[in-house]
C-alpha cells in the first residue's frame, strides 16, 4: 500500500535534495605534507600515541611505579589512546 501522508512530488524532491547534499560533505581525508608526500592525519596521531605510550612506560619504570601498578599494558594503551585523541582534537579541532 502507498503512504498517502507524503505526496510523490515531496518524496522525489526530498530524495533529490539528499543526493545533492551528499557530495558536498566529501572533502577528502585530513592529511599533512611531509617531504612532498601526504600522510593521513590518523597515522600521525597513531605515531603520537605510540610515542606517548613509550614515554609513559619509561616514566613508570624510572619512577618505580612499574613494580606497583597492575595491568601495565592496559595503562600504557590507555595513555597512548588519550594522547592520540588529544593530538587529533588539538590538530583537527573539535
Protein backbone atom coordinates (compact mmCIF):
# COMPACT_ATOMS: atom_id res chain seq x y z
CA UNK A 1 0.00 0.00 0.00
CA UNK A 2 1.04 3.56 -0.61
CA UNK A 3 1.53 6.08 2.13
CA UNK A 4 -0.86 8.98 1.39
CA UNK A 5 0.68 11.23 4.06
CA UNK A 6 3.55 12.33 1.79
CA UNK A 7 2.85 13.26 -1.83
CA UNK A 8 5.00 11.77 -4.58
CA UNK A 9 6.47 15.14 -5.56
CA UNK A 10 7.63 15.78 -1.96
CA UNK A 11 9.32 12.37 -1.81
CA UNK A 12 11.11 12.99 -5.11
CA UNK A 13 12.20 16.47 -4.03
CA UNK A 14 13.48 15.15 -0.71
CA UNK A 15 15.42 12.39 -2.48
CA UNK A 16 17.00 14.84 -4.93
CA UNK A 17 18.00 17.21 -2.13
CA UNK A 18 19.53 14.36 -0.14
CA UNK A 19 21.52 13.14 -3.13
CA UNK A 20 22.68 16.68 -3.96
CA UNK A 21 23.83 17.25 -0.36
CA UNK A 22 25.94 14.08 -0.04
CA UNK A 23 28.87 15.02 -2.36
CA UNK A 24 29.24 18.36 -0.57
CA UNK A 25 30.45 16.58 2.55
CA UNK A 26 33.27 14.74 0.75
CA UNK A 27 36.33 16.89 1.35
CA UNK A 28 38.88 14.11 1.43
CA UNK A 29 40.81 12.74 4.34
CA UNK A 30 42.69 15.17 6.59
CA UNK A 31 46.40 14.86 5.85
CA UNK A 32 49.74 16.57 6.34
CA UNK A 33 52.55 17.03 3.87
CA UNK A 34 55.92 15.55 4.83
CA UNK A 35 58.74 15.81 2.27
CA UNK A 36 56.28 16.08 -0.62
CA UNK A 37 54.20 13.07 0.43
CA UNK A 38 50.80 13.31 2.06
CA UNK A 39 50.49 11.38 5.33
CA UNK A 40 46.99 10.67 6.70
CA UNK A 41 46.27 12.51 9.92
CA UNK A 42 45.13 9.33 11.68
CA UNK A 43 48.56 7.80 11.02
CA UNK A 44 50.30 10.80 12.56
CA UNK A 45 48.01 10.53 15.60
CA UNK A 46 48.78 6.80 15.86
CA UNK A 47 52.51 7.54 15.84
CA UNK A 48 51.98 10.14 18.56
CA UNK A 49 50.05 7.51 20.54
CA UNK A 50 52.91 5.00 20.30
CA UNK A 51 55.38 7.68 21.37
CA UNK A 52 53.13 8.71 24.27
CA UNK A 53 52.77 5.11 25.44
CA UNK A 54 56.54 4.59 25.23
CA UNK A 55 57.19 7.74 27.26
CA UNK A 56 54.60 6.64 29.83
CA UNK A 57 56.24 3.20 30.11
CA UNK A 58 59.69 4.77 30.52
CA UNK A 59 58.33 7.12 33.19
CA UNK A 60 56.72 4.21 35.06
CA UNK A 61 59.97 2.23 35.04
CA UNK A 62 62.09 5.26 36.03
CA UNK A 63 59.89 6.15 38.99
CA UNK A 64 59.47 2.58 40.22
CA UNK A 65 55.76 2.70 39.56
CA UNK A 66 56.08 -0.33 37.29
CA UNK A 67 56.58 -2.60 40.30
CA UNK A 68 53.40 -1.36 41.96
CA UNK A 69 50.87 -0.94 39.13
CA UNK A 70 48.97 -3.98 37.89
CA UNK A 71 47.96 -4.28 34.22
CA UNK A 72 50.73 -2.04 32.89
CA UNK A 73 49.95 -2.89 29.26
CA UNK A 74 46.39 -1.65 29.72
CA UNK A 75 47.70 1.52 31.36
CA UNK A 76 50.13 2.21 28.51
CA UNK A 77 47.44 1.56 25.88
CA UNK A 78 45.05 3.92 27.69
CA UNK A 79 47.66 6.65 27.90
CA UNK A 80 48.51 6.17 24.21
CA UNK A 81 44.85 6.42 23.25
CA UNK A 82 44.48 9.56 25.35
CA UNK A 83 47.50 11.11 23.60
CA UNK A 84 46.09 10.20 20.17
CA UNK A 85 42.70 11.76 20.93
CA UNK A 86 44.27 14.91 22.36
CA UNK A 87 46.53 15.28 19.31
CA UNK A 88 43.55 14.80 17.00
CA UNK A 89 41.46 17.39 18.85
CA UNK A 90 44.33 19.89 19.02
CA UNK A 91 45.16 19.44 15.36
CA UNK A 92 41.80 18.97 13.65
CA UNK A 93 39.57 20.79 16.08
CA UNK A 94 36.55 19.51 17.91
